[in-house]
Amino acid sequence: MQKLKVNDQVVIIAGRNKGKTGKVKNINFKTNRVLVEGVNLVKKASKPTQQNPSGGLLDVERPLHISNMALISPKTSKPTRVRIEIRDGKKVRVAVKCGSIIP
């Protein structure tokens, strides 16, 4: 079971985007990188195309390493680590800070 899933709310705890929050859009487990909505925007030059006839600079989201973010606890709305526990015969994700189950 993974500690982070798509659509989880996370906060960035290290790097240039420290303190920003967002929703997880994509996770690449091979490279341990996570794409977070609205975080780590970079400028990318694009040539003119039929969809974008003017071309120019675009803001593009780039993935961040999974170790630079923490899950936001649904109960306390603060960053927390995640623990995997077996409750009622099923594996569930549990917030370490408050002990609540993460859906």
Protein backbone atom coordinates (compact mmCIF):
# COMPACT_ATOMS: atom_id res chain seq x y z
CA MET A 1 0.00 0.00 0.00
CA GLN A 2 1.27 3.45 -0.91
CA LYS A 3 1.53 6.29 1.59
CA LEU A 4 0.55 8.91 -1.00
CA LYS A 5 -2.28 8.56 -3.49
CA VAL A 6 -3.70 10.68 -6.29
CA ASN A 7 -6.01 13.51 -5.05
CA ASP A 8 -4.31 13.71 -1.63
CA GLN A 9 -3.67 17.19 -0.24
CA VAL A 10 0.06 17.73 0.38
CA VAL A 11 2.31 20.53 1.58
CA ILE A 12 5.84 21.06 0.27
CA ILE A 13 8.34 20.92 3.16
CA ALA A 14 11.64 21.57 1.36
CA GLY A 15 13.04 23.45 -1.59
CA ARG A 16 12.09 26.56 -3.49
CA ASN A 17 8.33 25.86 -3.17
CA LYS A 18 8.41 25.31 0.61
CA GLY A 19 5.06 26.01 2.27
CA LYS A 20 2.90 25.69 -0.85
CA THR A 21 0.00 23.25 -0.81
CA GLY A 22 -1.75 21.42 -3.59
CA LYS A 23 -3.45 18.27 -4.78
CA VAL A 24 -1.51 15.29 -6.11
CA LYS A 25 -2.18 14.85 -9.84
CA ASN A 26 0.23 12.05 -10.74
CA ILE A 27 2.75 9.78 -9.01
CA ASN A 28 5.70 8.05 -10.69
CA PHE A 29 6.85 5.28 -8.32
CA LYS A 30 9.82 4.36 -10.51
CA THR A 31 11.50 7.74 -10.04
CA ASN A 32 9.71 8.66 -6.75
CA ARG A 33 8.42 11.91 -8.23
CA VAL A 34 5.03 13.51 -7.68
CA LEU A 35 3.20 16.08 -9.81
CA VAL A 36 1.36 18.55 -7.56
CA GLU A 37 -1.30 20.91 -8.91
CA GLY A 38 -0.13 24.54 -9.01
CA VAL A 39 3.31 23.86 -7.50
CA ASN A 40 6.80 23.99 -9.09
CA LEU A 41 5.79 26.01 -12.14
CA VAL A 42 8.53 26.59 -14.71
CA LYS A 43 8.61 28.54 -17.97
CA LYS A 44 8.75 26.47 -21.15
CA ALA A 45 9.27 27.92 -24.61
CA SER A 46 6.88 26.62 -27.25
CA LYS A 47 6.85 27.02 -31.01
CA PRO A 48 3.70 28.27 -32.69
CA THR A 49 1.21 25.47 -33.46
CA GLN A 50 -2.36 25.31 -34.71
CA GLN A 51 -3.66 25.07 -31.14
CA ASN A 52 -1.41 27.90 -29.93
CA PRO A 53 -0.66 30.12 -32.95
CA SER A 54 1.27 32.74 -30.99
CA GLY A 55 3.69 30.32 -29.29
CA GLY A 56 5.81 31.92 -26.57
CA LEU A 57 6.43 31.01 -22.93
CA LEU A 58 4.08 28.67 -21.07
CA ASP A 59 3.87 27.88 -17.35
CA VAL A 60 4.31 24.12 -16.90
CA GLU A 61 4.14 22.07 -13.69
CA ARG A 62 7.14 19.83 -13.07
CA PRO A 63 7.30 16.88 -10.66
CA LEU A 64 8.95 17.08 -7.23
CA HIS A 65 10.64 14.32 -5.24
CA ILE A 66 8.30 12.48 -2.89
CA SER A 67 10.57 13.17 0.11
CA ASN A 68 9.99 16.92 -0.20
CA MET A 69 6.28 16.76 0.68
CA ALA A 70 4.07 15.76 3.57
CA LEU A 71 0.44 14.70 3.59
CA ILE A 72 -2.04 17.10 5.20
CA SER A 73 -4.04 15.43 7.97
CA PRO A 74 -7.79 15.60 7.30
CA LYS A 75 -8.55 16.09 11.01
CA THR A 76 -6.00 18.77 12.01
CA SER A 77 -5.15 20.28 8.58
CA LYS A 78 -1.43 20.10 9.45
CA PRO A 79 1.40 18.17 7.78
CA THR A 80 1.85 14.63 9.05
CA ARG A 81 3.69 11.43 8.32
CA VAL A 82 1.71 8.35 7.30
CA ARG A 83 1.71 4.92 8.89
CA ILE A 84 0.14 1.74 7.49
CA GLU A 85 -1.91 -0.24 10.04
CA ILE A 86 -4.15 -3.26 9.88
CA ARG A 87 -7.62 -2.47 11.24
CA ASP A 88 -10.51 -4.92 10.93
CA GLY A 89 -8.36 -7.13 8.70
CA LYS A 90 -7.70 -4.35 6.15
CA LYS A 91 -4.66 -2.18 5.58
CA VAL A 92 -5.43 1.50 6.15
CA ARG A 93 -3.41 4.71 6.09
CA VAL A 94 -3.20 6.46 9.45
CA ALA A 95 -1.95 9.99 10.20
CA VAL A 96 0.87 9.77 12.75
CA LYS A 97 0.13 13.17 14.32
CA CYS A 98 -3.54 12.64 15.21
CA GLY A 99 -4.15 8.92 14.65
CA SER A 100 -7.07 9.46 12.26
CA ILE A 101 -7.68 7.22 9.27
CA ILE A 102 -6.93 8.81 5.90
CA PRO A 103 -9.59 7.93 3.31
